[in-house]
Amino acid sequence: MIRLKVFEVINSPNRNSCLDVFRGLAIISVVFYHFDGLLPFGYLGVDLFFLVSGLLVGGLLTKEFESDKGINFLKFFLQRGFKIWPSYYFFILFGSIIAFLFYSTIKPNEIIPVWDLKRYLFFYQNYTGLPFHWSFDHIWSLCIEEHFYIMLPVMFIIIQNLIPVKYKIKTLFVFVILTIIVGIMFKYFSYFFTTSKDTYSATHNRIDALAWGVLLNLIITFHEEKIRTIKIKFIALPLGLVIFILTLCYSIYFNNIIFEKIYFHSIIPFAFFLMIMGLYYVNFSKLKPLRFIAYYSYNWYLWHPIFVFFIIKYFGSGIIGLLIYLTTTFFTAIITTIFIEETFLEKRKTILGKIF
């Protein structure tokens, strides 16, 4: 009998069920969006992923920040690497084989040429533009997260080592808020002062979304009693929903290019920030199907696009094609999570223990 680790993880009393729910909603929206645009605005699931990642990674660093040992940059980076790299490089390798088998005759531009692999292997695809390989180019968001995993601990380490103890926490808050502001400003400068006018995929343009997550972690860590109040729950969630809905409505009805390029992806993460703040301590443990999906979200995110064109071509974009797409991609996510991600996570503690 196969004992799936997912049930052990989502039933753990230390796991926040609210974040599972938001992660599950994020991956579902992205997966449906990529199937012939089935879910409008589904790509905003990536913004939600950024915020959740910032919250979780910020939490790991905050624990180290408060400990006597301090933050070990290399240890932190390798810890994240054991989580991200095995599944990622497995996808690049075997995904390339699948792309060759699926698309060599019907859509050859989906195959990454050997000479072009370097920008995918070294996480700088989000700064390179053409040529496009749609089945793989969703990894722009992973490039941003990898860059963030370098910048964030450096910021924490600098504050930890250079700032007097009584000012450290305040300085953290200030630096994170400044990061949010800088991310928004970069969108403005990228649109008005660069030839590409691209504000979508570069790390400096999307770093504010991750920083909102880090800020939420700091608030939860150092002002927990305020977050738990009924007042916050009844203000933050409705306000976040209203901002989210109004932002979508403005985007739909006004079609303002400046709003789309600069403000849209600056406001949406703030709306998610408020929603999660309002629901963070709400118990969603009974929503096990959604939490089950959330557990496999990373590998589902990696693998789902590569099957899209093949399935639509041979099975159509109707209900049959959709069911085949969801079943095939989620099954692939389960298999790769079990045999790749979980395997390396089990070895992580032993290997890092020997190194450090």
Foldseek 3Di string as FASTA:
>chain_A
DDDDCLVVVLPDPPDFVLLLLLLLQLLVLCLCCLQVHNHPPSPCSLLSVLLSLLQVLLLVQVVQLPDPVHDDLVLLLVLVCLQPPFLQVVCLVVVLVLCCVQPVPPPVLLHQDPVRCVCSNVLNLLPPDDDDNPLQSVCLSVSLVSVCSNPVSVVSRCLSPPPDPVCSLVVVLVVLVVLLVQLLVVLVCLLPPPPVNALPRDNSNQVNSSSLNSNLNSCCVPVVVVLPDPVLLVPLQVVLVVQQVVLVVCCVPVVDPSCVRRPSSSSNSSSSSSNCSNCRPPDPSVVVVSSSSSVLSVQLSNRLNSCNVSLCVPPNSDPRSVVVSVVVSVVRSSVCCVPTNVVSSVCSVVVSVVVD
